[in-house]
Amino acid sequence: MRLFPANRLLILLIPVLIFGCSSRQPDILQPSGQSGENPGQVEALKGKREVVVRHAIDSVGTPYAWGGESPSEGFDCSGLVTYTHSRAGISMPRTAQAQFKKGRPVPRSALQPGDLVFFNAPDKKNAVHVGIFIGRNNFVHAPGKGRTVIRSTLTNPYFKRYLKGARSFL
Protein backbone atom coordinates (compact mmCIF):
# COMPACT_ATOMS: atom_id res chain seq x y z
CA MET A 1 0.00 0.00 0.00
CA ARG A 2 1.50 3.32 -1.06
CA LEU A 3 1.13 6.24 1.35
CA PHE A 4 -0.04 9.62 0.10
CA PRO A 5 2.84 12.13 0.45
CA ALA A 6 2.22 14.61 3.28
CA ASN A 7 3.12 17.67 1.20
CA ARG A 8 0.51 16.77 -1.44
CA LEU A 9 -2.09 16.27 1.25
CA LEU A 10 -1.21 19.68 2.72
CA ILE A 11 -1.58 21.34 -0.70
CA LEU A 12 -5.01 19.74 -1.10
CA LEU A 13 -6.10 20.72 2.42
CA ILE A 14 -5.05 24.38 2.28
CA PRO A 15 -8.11 25.56 0.31
CA VAL A 16 -10.37 23.48 2.56
CA LEU A 17 -8.83 24.98 5.69
CA ILE A 18 -9.09 28.51 4.34
CA PHE A 19 -12.43 28.37 2.55
CA GLY A 20 -14.03 25.39 4.30
CA CYS A 21 -17.36 25.19 6.01
CA SER A 22 -17.95 27.46 8.96
CA SER A 23 -20.76 29.28 10.65
CA ARG A 24 -19.66 32.58 9.12
CA GLN A 25 -18.49 33.71 5.72
CA PRO A 26 -14.76 33.34 4.99
CA ASP A 27 -12.69 36.46 5.69
CA ILE A 28 -12.19 37.09 1.98
CA LEU A 29 -15.89 37.63 1.40
CA GLN A 30 -16.26 40.43 3.94
CA PRO A 31 -16.63 43.97 2.54
CA SER A 32 -13.69 46.30 3.03
CA GLY A 33 -15.79 48.75 5.01
CA GLN A 34 -13.90 51.75 3.69
CA SER A 35 -16.08 54.84 3.71
CA GLY A 36 -17.00 56.49 0.44
CA GLU A 37 -17.19 53.27 -1.59
CA ASN A 38 -20.35 52.51 -3.49
CA PRO A 39 -21.62 48.90 -3.57
CA GLY A 40 -20.24 48.35 -7.08
CA GLN A 41 -16.76 49.45 -5.99
CA VAL A 42 -16.91 47.17 -2.94
CA GLU A 43 -17.90 44.18 -5.11
CA ALA A 44 -15.14 44.92 -7.65
CA LEU A 45 -12.57 45.19 -4.86
CA LYS A 46 -13.76 41.92 -3.29
CA GLY A 47 -13.41 40.27 -6.70
CA LYS A 48 -9.82 41.49 -7.10
CA ARG A 49 -8.92 40.29 -3.60
CA GLU A 50 -10.40 36.87 -4.40
CA VAL A 51 -8.37 36.65 -7.62
CA VAL A 52 -5.12 37.55 -5.83
CA VAL A 53 -5.73 35.02 -3.05
CA ARG A 54 -6.84 32.25 -5.42
CA HIS A 55 -3.69 32.62 -7.53
CA ALA A 56 -1.50 32.79 -4.43
CA ILE A 57 -2.98 29.55 -3.08
CA ASP A 58 -2.78 27.91 -6.51
CA SER A 59 0.95 28.78 -6.57
CA VAL A 60 1.73 26.75 -3.43
CA GLY A 61 4.29 24.13 -4.40
CA THR A 62 5.78 26.15 -7.29
CA PRO A 63 9.60 26.14 -7.10
CA TYR A 64 11.50 29.24 -6.01
CA ALA A 65 13.41 30.97 -8.82
CA TRP A 66 15.33 34.19 -8.26
CA GLY A 67 13.78 36.77 -10.59
CA GLY A 68 10.94 34.37 -11.40
CA GLU A 69 7.48 35.73 -11.95
CA SER A 70 5.39 32.93 -13.46
CA PRO A 71 4.27 29.41 -12.52
CA SER A 72 6.26 27.97 -15.43
CA GLU A 73 9.60 29.56 -14.48
CA GLY A 74 9.04 29.71 -10.71
CA PHE A 75 8.73 32.64 -8.33
CA ASP A 76 10.77 34.79 -6.04
CA CYS A 77 8.81 36.58 -3.31
CA SER A 78 8.13 39.82 -5.18
CA GLY A 79 7.57 37.97 -8.47
CA LEU A 80 4.79 35.96 -6.82
CA VAL A 81 3.18 39.22 -5.67
CA THR A 82 3.54 40.82 -9.11
CA TYR A 83 2.05 37.72 -10.78
CA THR A 84 -0.96 37.37 -8.45
CA HIS A 85 -1.81 41.05 -8.64
CA SER A 86 -1.43 41.13 -12.44
CA ARG A 87 -4.09 38.39 -12.64
CA ALA A 88 -6.43 40.88 -10.94
CA GLY A 89 -5.45 43.66 -13.36
CA ILE A 90 -3.20 45.47 -10.90
CA SER A 91 0.16 46.80 -12.05
CA MET A 92 2.79 47.25 -9.36
CA PRO A 93 6.53 47.62 -8.78
CA ARG A 94 8.63 44.48 -9.29
CA THR A 95 10.84 44.45 -6.16
CA ALA A 96 9.74 43.90 -2.56
CA GLN A 97 11.50 47.09 -1.48
CA ALA A 98 9.61 49.15 -4.10
CA GLN A 99 6.33 47.39 -3.25
CA PHE A 100 6.79 48.34 0.40
CA LYS A 101 7.52 51.96 -0.50
CA LYS A 102 4.64 52.37 -3.00
CA GLY A 103 1.88 50.39 -1.27
CA ARG A 104 -0.76 51.97 0.95
CA PRO A 105 0.10 51.27 4.63
CA VAL A 106 -2.28 48.89 6.39
CA PRO A 107 -2.35 48.38 10.17
CA ARG A 108 -1.98 44.72 11.11
CA SER A 109 -5.39 44.84 12.80
CA ALA A 110 -6.96 45.86 9.46
CA LEU A 111 -5.30 43.25 7.21
CA GLN A 112 -7.56 41.79 4.56
CA PRO A 113 -6.96 38.91 2.16
CA GLY A 114 -4.84 40.12 -0.76
CA ASP A 115 -2.89 42.66 1.31
CA LEU A 116 0.89 42.27 1.46
CA VAL A 117 2.97 41.50 4.54
CA PHE A 118 6.64 42.50 4.61
CA PHE A 119 9.51 41.19 6.69
CA ASN A 120 13.04 42.32 7.33
CA ALA A 121 15.58 39.75 6.16
CA PRO A 122 18.06 39.59 9.05
CA ASP A 123 20.73 37.74 7.08
CA LYS A 124 20.81 40.31 4.26
CA LYS A 125 21.41 44.02 4.82
CA ASN A 126 18.41 46.19 3.87
CA ALA A 127 16.63 43.23 2.23
CA VAL A 128 12.85 42.88 2.48
CA HIS A 129 10.75 39.74 2.04
CA VAL A 130 7.07 39.89 1.00
CA GLY A 131 4.09 37.56 1.23
CA ILE A 132 0.38 37.70 0.37
CA PHE A 133 -2.03 37.70 3.30
CA ILE A 134 -4.81 35.15 2.71
CA GLY A 135 -6.77 35.55 5.96
CA ARG A 136 -6.82 34.12 9.47
CA ASN A 137 -3.15 35.05 10.13
CA ASN A 138 -1.96 33.06 7.10
CA PHE A 139 0.08 34.23 4.13
CA VAL A 140 1.61 32.71 1.01
CA HIS A 141 5.21 33.43 0.02
CA ALA A 142 8.24 32.17 -1.91
CA PRO A 143 10.75 31.63 0.91
CA GLY A 144 14.00 31.17 -0.98
CA LYS A 145 16.43 29.09 -2.99
CA GLY A 146 15.82 25.35 -2.91
CA ARG A 147 12.27 25.73 -1.57
CA THR A 148 8.79 26.10 -3.00
CA VAL A 149 5.98 28.59 -2.52
CA ILE A 150 4.38 27.83 0.86
CA ARG A 151 1.70 28.96 3.28
CA SER A 152 2.94 30.29 6.62
CA THR A 153 1.42 31.95 9.65
CA LEU A 154 2.04 35.38 11.12
CA THR A 155 1.94 33.78 14.57
CA ASN A 156 5.21 31.92 13.85
CA PRO A 157 7.82 33.44 16.22
CA TYR A 158 10.23 34.13 13.34
CA PHE A 159 7.65 36.04 11.31
CA LYS A 160 6.35 37.88 14.40
CA ARG A 161 9.89 39.04 15.17
CA TYR A 162 10.77 40.28 11.67
CA LEU A 163 7.40 41.70 10.55
CA LYS A 164 8.17 45.11 9.03
CA GLY A 165 4.63 46.12 8.10
CA ALA A 166 1.77 45.63 5.69
CA ARG A 167 0.79 47.38 2.49
CA SER A 168 -2.02 47.15 -0.04
CA PHE A 169 -2.46 47.82 -3.73
CA LEU A 170 -6.16 46.89 -3.53
C-alpha atoms as a PDB file:
ATOM      1  CA  MET A   1       0.000   0.000   0.000  1.00  0.00           C
ATOM      2  CA  ARG A   2       1.498   3.321  -1.059  1.00  0.00           C
ATOM      3  CA  LEU A   3       1.129   6.237   1.351  1.00  0.00           C
ATOM      4  CA  PHE A   4      -0.037   9.618   0.098  1.00  0.00           C
ATOM      5  CA  PRO A   5       2.838  12.130   0.450  1.00  0.00           C
ATOM      6  CA  ALA A   6       2.216  14.610   3.281  1.00  0.00           C
ATOM      7  CA  ASN A   7       3.116  17.668   1.200  1.00  0.00           C
ATOM      8  CA  ARG A   8       0.507  16.772  -1.435  1.00  0.00           C
ATOM      9  CA  LEU A   9      -2.087  16.267   1.255  1.00  0.00           C
ATOM     10  CA  LEU A  10      -1.213  19.678   2.717  1.00  0.00           C
ATOM     11  CA  ILE A  11      -1.581  21.335  -0.699  1.00  0.00           C
ATOM     12  CA  LEU A  12      -5.011  19.739  -1.096  1.00  0.00           C
ATOM     13  CA  LEU A  13      -6.102  20.718   2.416  1.00  0.00           C
ATOM     14  CA  ILE A  14      -5.055  24.381   2.279  1.00  0.00           C
ATOM     15  CA  PRO A  15      -8.112  25.562   0.310  1.00  0.00           C
ATOM     16  CA  VAL A  16     -10.369  23.484   2.558  1.00  0.00           C
ATOM     17  CA  LEU A  17      -8.833  24.981   5.686  1.00  0.00           C
ATOM     18  CA  ILE A  18      -9.095  28.505   4.345  1.00  0.00           C
ATOM     19  CA  PHE A  19     -12.429  28.368   2.548  1.00  0.00           C
ATOM     20  CA  GLY A  20     -14.027  25.389   4.304  1.00  0.00           C
ATOM     21  CA  CYS A  21     -17.363  25.192   6.012  1.00  0.00           C
ATOM     22  CA  SER A  22     -17.947  27.455   8.963  1.00  0.00           C
ATOM     23  CA  SER A  23     -20.760  29.282  10.654  1.00  0.00           C
ATOM     24  CA  ARG A  24     -19.664  32.581   9.124  1.00  0.00           C
ATOM     25  CA  GLN A  25     -18.485  33.707   5.718  1.00  0.00           C
ATOM     26  CA  PRO A  26     -14.756  33.343   4.992  1.00  0.00           C
ATOM     27  CA  ASP A  27     -12.688  36.463   5.689  1.00  0.00           C
ATOM     28  CA  ILE A  28     -12.190  37.091   1.985  1.00  0.00           C
ATOM     29  CA  LEU A  29     -15.893  37.633   1.397  1.00  0.00           C
ATOM     30  CA  GLN A  30     -16.261  40.429   3.936  1.00  0.00           C
ATOM     31  CA  PRO A  31     -16.626  43.968   2.537  1.00  0.00           C
ATOM     32  CA  SER A  32     -13.689  46.298   3.030  1.00  0.00           C
ATOM     33  CA  GLY A  33     -15.793  48.748   5.014  1.00  0.00           C
ATOM     34  CA  GLN A  34     -13.901  51.748   3.694  1.00  0.00           C
ATOM     35  CA  SER A  35     -16.083  54.839   3.706  1.00  0.00           C
ATOM     36  CA  GLY A  36     -17.003  56.495   0.441  1.00  0.00           C
ATOM     37  CA  GLU A  37     -17.191  53.272  -1.591  1.00  0.00           C
ATOM     38  CA  ASN A  38     -20.348  52.511  -3.488  1.00  0.00           C
ATOM     39  CA  PRO A  39     -21.621  48.903  -3.569  1.00  0.00           C
ATOM     40  CA  GLY A  40     -20.237  48.351  -7.082  1.00  0.00           C
ATOM     41  CA  GLN A  41     -16.756  49.447  -5.993  1.00  0.00           C
ATOM     42  CA  VAL A  42     -16.913  47.170  -2.943  1.00  0.00           C
ATOM     43  CA  GLU A  43     -17.897  44.177  -5.106  1.00  0.00           C
ATOM     44  CA  ALA A  44     -15.139  44.918  -7.646  1.00  0.00           C
ATOM     45  CA  LEU A  45     -12.567  45.186  -4.862  1.00  0.00           C
ATOM     46  CA  LYS A  46     -13.759  41.916  -3.291  1.00  0.00           C
ATOM     47  CA  GLY A  47     -13.412  40.265  -6.696  1.00  0.00           C
ATOM     48  CA  LYS A  48      -9.823  41.488  -7.095  1.00  0.00           C
ATOM     49  CA  ARG A  49      -8.920  40.288  -3.601  1.00  0.00           C
ATOM     50  CA  GLU A  50     -10.396  36.866  -4.397  1.00  0.00           C
ATOM     51  CA  VAL A  51      -8.367  36.646  -7.624  1.00  0.00           C
ATOM     52  CA  VAL A  52      -5.120  37.551  -5.834  1.00  0.00           C
ATOM     53  CA  VAL A  53      -5.734  35.025  -3.048  1.00  0.00           C
ATOM     54  CA  ARG A  54      -6.838  32.251  -5.419  1.00  0.00           C
ATOM     55  CA  HIS A  55      -3.689  32.625  -7.533  1.00  0.00           C
ATOM     56  CA  ALA A  56      -1.504  32.787  -4.429  1.00  0.00           C
ATOM     57  CA  ILE A  57      -2.978  29.546  -3.081  1.00  0.00           C
ATOM     58  CA  ASP A  58      -2.776  27.908  -6.514  1.00  0.00           C
ATOM     59  CA  SER A  59       0.950  28.780  -6.565  1.00  0.00           C
ATOM     60  CA  VAL A  60       1.733  26.752  -3.432  1.00  0.00           C
ATOM     61  CA  GLY A  61       4.288  24.130  -4.405  1.00  0.00           C
ATOM     62  CA  THR A  62       5.778  26.149  -7.286  1.00  0.00           C
ATOM     63  CA  PRO A  63       9.602  26.141  -7.104  1.00  0.00           C
ATOM     64  CA  TYR A  64      11.500  29.236  -6.015  1.00  0.00           C
ATOM     65  CA  ALA A  65      13.411  30.965  -8.819  1.00  0.00           C
ATOM     66  CA  TRP A  66      15.334  34.187  -8.260  1.00  0.00           C
ATOM     67  CA  GLY A  67      13.783  36.772 -10.586  1.00  0.00           C
ATOM     68  CA  GLY A  68      10.942  34.373 -11.399  1.00  0.00           C
ATOM     69  CA  GLU A  69       7.479  35.729 -11.951  1.00  0.00           C
ATOM     70  CA  SER A  70       5.391  32.927 -13.456  1.00  0.00           C
ATOM     71  CA  PRO A  71       4.268  29.415 -12.522  1.00  0.00           C
ATOM     72  CA  SER A  72       6.256  27.967 -15.432  1.00  0.00           C
ATOM     73  CA  GLU A  73       9.597  29.558 -14.482  1.00  0.00           C
ATOM     74  CA  GLY A  74       9.036  29.706 -10.715  1.00  0.00           C
ATOM     75  CA  PHE A  75       8.733  32.644  -8.329  1.00  0.00           C
ATOM     76  CA  ASP A  76      10.772  34.791  -6.037  1.00  0.00           C
ATOM     77  CA  CYS A  77       8.813  36.582  -3.310  1.00  0.00           C
ATOM     78  CA  SER A  78       8.132  39.818  -5.183  1.00  0.00           C
ATOM     79  CA  GLY A  79       7.570  37.974  -8.472  1.00  0.00           C
ATOM     80  CA  LEU A  80       4.790  35.964  -6.819  1.00  0.00           C
ATOM     81  CA  VAL A  81       3.178  39.221  -5.675  1.00  0.00           C
ATOM     82  CA  THR A  82       3.544  40.819  -9.109  1.00  0.00           C
ATOM     83  CA  TYR A  83       2.054  37.724 -10.777  1.00  0.00           C
ATOM     84  CA  THR A  84      -0.960  37.372  -8.448  1.00  0.00           C
ATOM     85  CA  HIS A  85      -1.806  41.054  -8.637  1.00  0.00           C
ATOM     86  CA  SER A  86      -1.433  41.134 -12.445  1.00  0.00           C
ATOM     87  CA  ARG A  87      -4.085  38.385 -12.636  1.00  0.00           C
ATOM     88  CA  ALA A  88      -6.428  40.875 -10.938  1.00  0.00           C
ATOM     89  CA  GLY A  89      -5.448  43.657 -13.363  1.00  0.00           C
ATOM     90  CA  ILE A  90      -3.199  45.467 -10.900  1.00  0.00           C
ATOM     91  CA  SER A  91       0.162  46.799 -12.049  1.00  0.00           C
ATOM     92  CA  MET A  92       2.795  47.253  -9.365  1.00  0.00           C
ATOM     93  CA  PRO A  93       6.534  47.622  -8.777  1.00  0.00           C
ATOM     94  CA  ARG A  94       8.634  44.481  -9.290  1.00  0.00           C
ATOM     95  CA  THR A  95      10.840  44.450  -6.161  1.00  0.00           C
ATOM     96  CA  ALA A  96       9.745  43.895  -2.564  1.00  0.00           C
ATOM     97  CA  GLN A  97      11.502  47.091  -1.481  1.00  0.00           C
ATOM     98  CA  ALA A  98       9.606  49.148  -4.101  1.00  0.00           C
ATOM     99  CA  GLN A  99       6.327  47.387  -3.247  1.00  0.00           C
ATOM    100  CA  PHE A 100       6.790  48.338   0.403  1.00  0.00           C
ATOM    101  CA  LYS A 101       7.523  51.965  -0.498  1.00  0.00           C
ATOM    102  CA  LYS A 102       4.644  52.367  -2.995  1.00  0.00           C
ATOM    103  CA  GLY A 103       1.885  50.391  -1.269  1.00  0.00           C
ATOM    104  CA  ARG A 104      -0.757  51.966   0.953  1.00  0.00           C
ATOM    105  CA  PRO A 105       0.101  51.274   4.634  1.00  0.00           C
ATOM    106  CA  VAL A 106      -2.284  48.888   6.388  1.00  0.00           C
ATOM    107  CA  PRO A 107      -2.352  48.379  10.169  1.00  0.00           C
ATOM    108  CA  ARG A 108      -1.979  44.722  11.115  1.00  0.00           C
ATOM    109  CA  SER A 109      -5.391  44.845  12.797  1.00  0.00           C
ATOM    110  CA  ALA A 110      -6.965  45.860   9.462  1.00  0.00           C
ATOM    111  CA  LEU A 111      -5.302  43.251   7.211  1.00  0.00           C
ATOM    112  CA  GLN A 112      -7.564  41.786   4.557  1.00  0.00           C
ATOM    113  CA  PRO A 113      -6.957  38.906   2.162  1.00  0.00           C
ATOM    114  CA  GLY A 114      -4.836  40.117  -0.757  1.00  0.00           C
ATOM    115  CA  ASP A 115      -2.890  42.656   1.309  1.00  0.00           C
ATOM    116  CA  LEU A 116       0.887  42.273   1.465  1.00  0.00           C
ATOM    117  CA  VAL A 117       2.974  41.504   4.544  1.00  0.00           C
ATOM    118  CA  PHE A 118       6.636  42.505   4.613  1.00  0.00           C
ATOM    119  CA  PHE A 119       9.510  41.194   6.694  1.00  0.00           C
ATOM    120  CA  ASN A 120      13.044  42.320   7.334  1.00  0.00           C
ATOM    121  CA  ALA A 121      15.577  39.746   6.163  1.00  0.00           C
ATOM    122  CA  PRO A 122      18.062  39.590   9.055  1.00  0.00           C
ATOM    123  CA  ASP A 123      20.734  37.739   7.084  1.00  0.00           C
ATOM    124  CA  LYS A 124      20.813  40.311   4.262  1.00  0.00           C
ATOM    125  CA  LYS A 125      21.411  44.019   4.824  1.00  0.00           C
ATOM    126  CA  ASN A 126      18.414  46.187   3.869  1.00  0.00           C
ATOM    127  CA  ALA A 127      16.628  43.234   2.232  1.00  0.00           C
ATOM    128  CA  VAL A 128      12.853  42.877   2.478  1.00  0.00           C
ATOM    129  CA  HIS A 129      10.746  39.738   2.042  1.00  0.00           C
ATOM    130  CA  VAL A 130       7.069  39.891   1.002  1.00  0.00           C
ATOM    131  CA  GLY A 131       4.088  37.562   1.227  1.00  0.00           C
ATOM    132  CA  ILE A 132       0.378  37.701   0.369  1.00  0.00           C
ATOM    133  CA  PHE A 133      -2.028  37.698   3.299  1.00  0.00           C
ATOM    134  CA  ILE A 134      -4.811  35.147   2.714  1.00  0.00           C
ATOM    135  CA  GLY A 135      -6.774  35.552   5.955  1.00  0.00           C
ATOM    136  CA  ARG A 136      -6.823  34.121   9.471  1.00  0.00           C
ATOM    137  CA  ASN A 137      -3.152  35.047  10.127  1.00  0.00           C
ATOM    138  CA  ASN A 138      -1.961  33.058   7.097  1.00  0.00           C
ATOM    139  CA  PHE A 139       0.075  34.234   4.130  1.00  0.00           C
ATOM    140  CA  VAL A 140       1.613  32.707   1.008  1.00  0.00           C
ATOM    141  CA  HIS A 141       5.211  33.427   0.022  1.00  0.00           C
ATOM    142  CA  ALA A 142       8.236  32.170  -1.908  1.00  0.00           C
ATOM    143  CA  PRO A 143      10.753  31.628   0.914  1.00  0.00           C
ATOM    144  CA  GLY A 144      13.995  31.172  -0.981  1.00  0.00           C
ATOM    145  CA  LYS A 145      16.428  29.086  -2.995  1.00  0.00           C
ATOM    146  CA  GLY A 146      15.825  25.354  -2.908  1.00  0.00           C
ATOM    147  CA  ARG A 147      12.274  25.734  -1.572  1.00  0.00           C
ATOM    148  CA  THR A 148       8.794  26.099  -2.997  1.00  0.00           C
ATOM    149  CA  VAL A 149       5.979  28.591  -2.517  1.00  0.00           C
ATOM    150  CA  ILE A 150       4.379  27.827   0.855  1.00  0.00           C
ATOM    151  CA  ARG A 151       1.697  28.959   3.276  1.00  0.00           C
ATOM    152  CA  SER A 152       2.938  30.288   6.619  1.00  0.00           C
ATOM    153  CA  THR A 153       1.415  31.954   9.651  1.00  0.00           C
ATOM    154  CA  LEU A 154       2.045  35.383  11.122  1.00  0.00           C
ATOM    155  CA  THR A 155       1.939  33.781  14.571  1.00  0.00           C
ATOM    156  CA  ASN A 156       5.208  31.924  13.853  1.00  0.00           C
ATOM    157  CA  PRO A 157       7.824  33.445  16.216  1.00  0.00           C
ATOM    158  CA  TYR A 158      10.227  34.130  13.335  1.00  0.00           C
ATOM    159  CA  PHE A 159       7.651  36.044  11.311  1.00  0.00           C
ATOM    160  CA  LYS A 160       6.352  37.880  14.398  1.00  0.00           C
ATOM    161  CA  ARG A 161       9.888  39.040  15.167  1.00  0.00           C
ATOM    162  CA  TYR A 162      10.771  40.280  11.670  1.00  0.00           C
ATOM    163  CA  LEU A 163       7.402  41.699  10.546  1.00  0.00           C
ATOM    164  CA  LYS A 164       8.168  45.112   9.034  1.00  0.00           C
ATOM    165  CA  GLY A 165       4.632  46.124   8.095  1.00  0.00           C
ATOM    166  CA  ALA A 166       1.768  45.629   5.690  1.00  0.00           C
ATOM    167  CA  ARG A 167       0.789  47.381   2.489  1.00  0.00           C
ATOM    168  CA  SER A 168      -2.015  47.154  -0.041  1.00  0.00           C
ATOM    169  CA  PHE A 169      -2.459  47.816  -3.726  1.00  0.00           C
ATOM    170  CA  LEU A 170      -6.162  46.891  -3.526  1.00  0.00           C
END
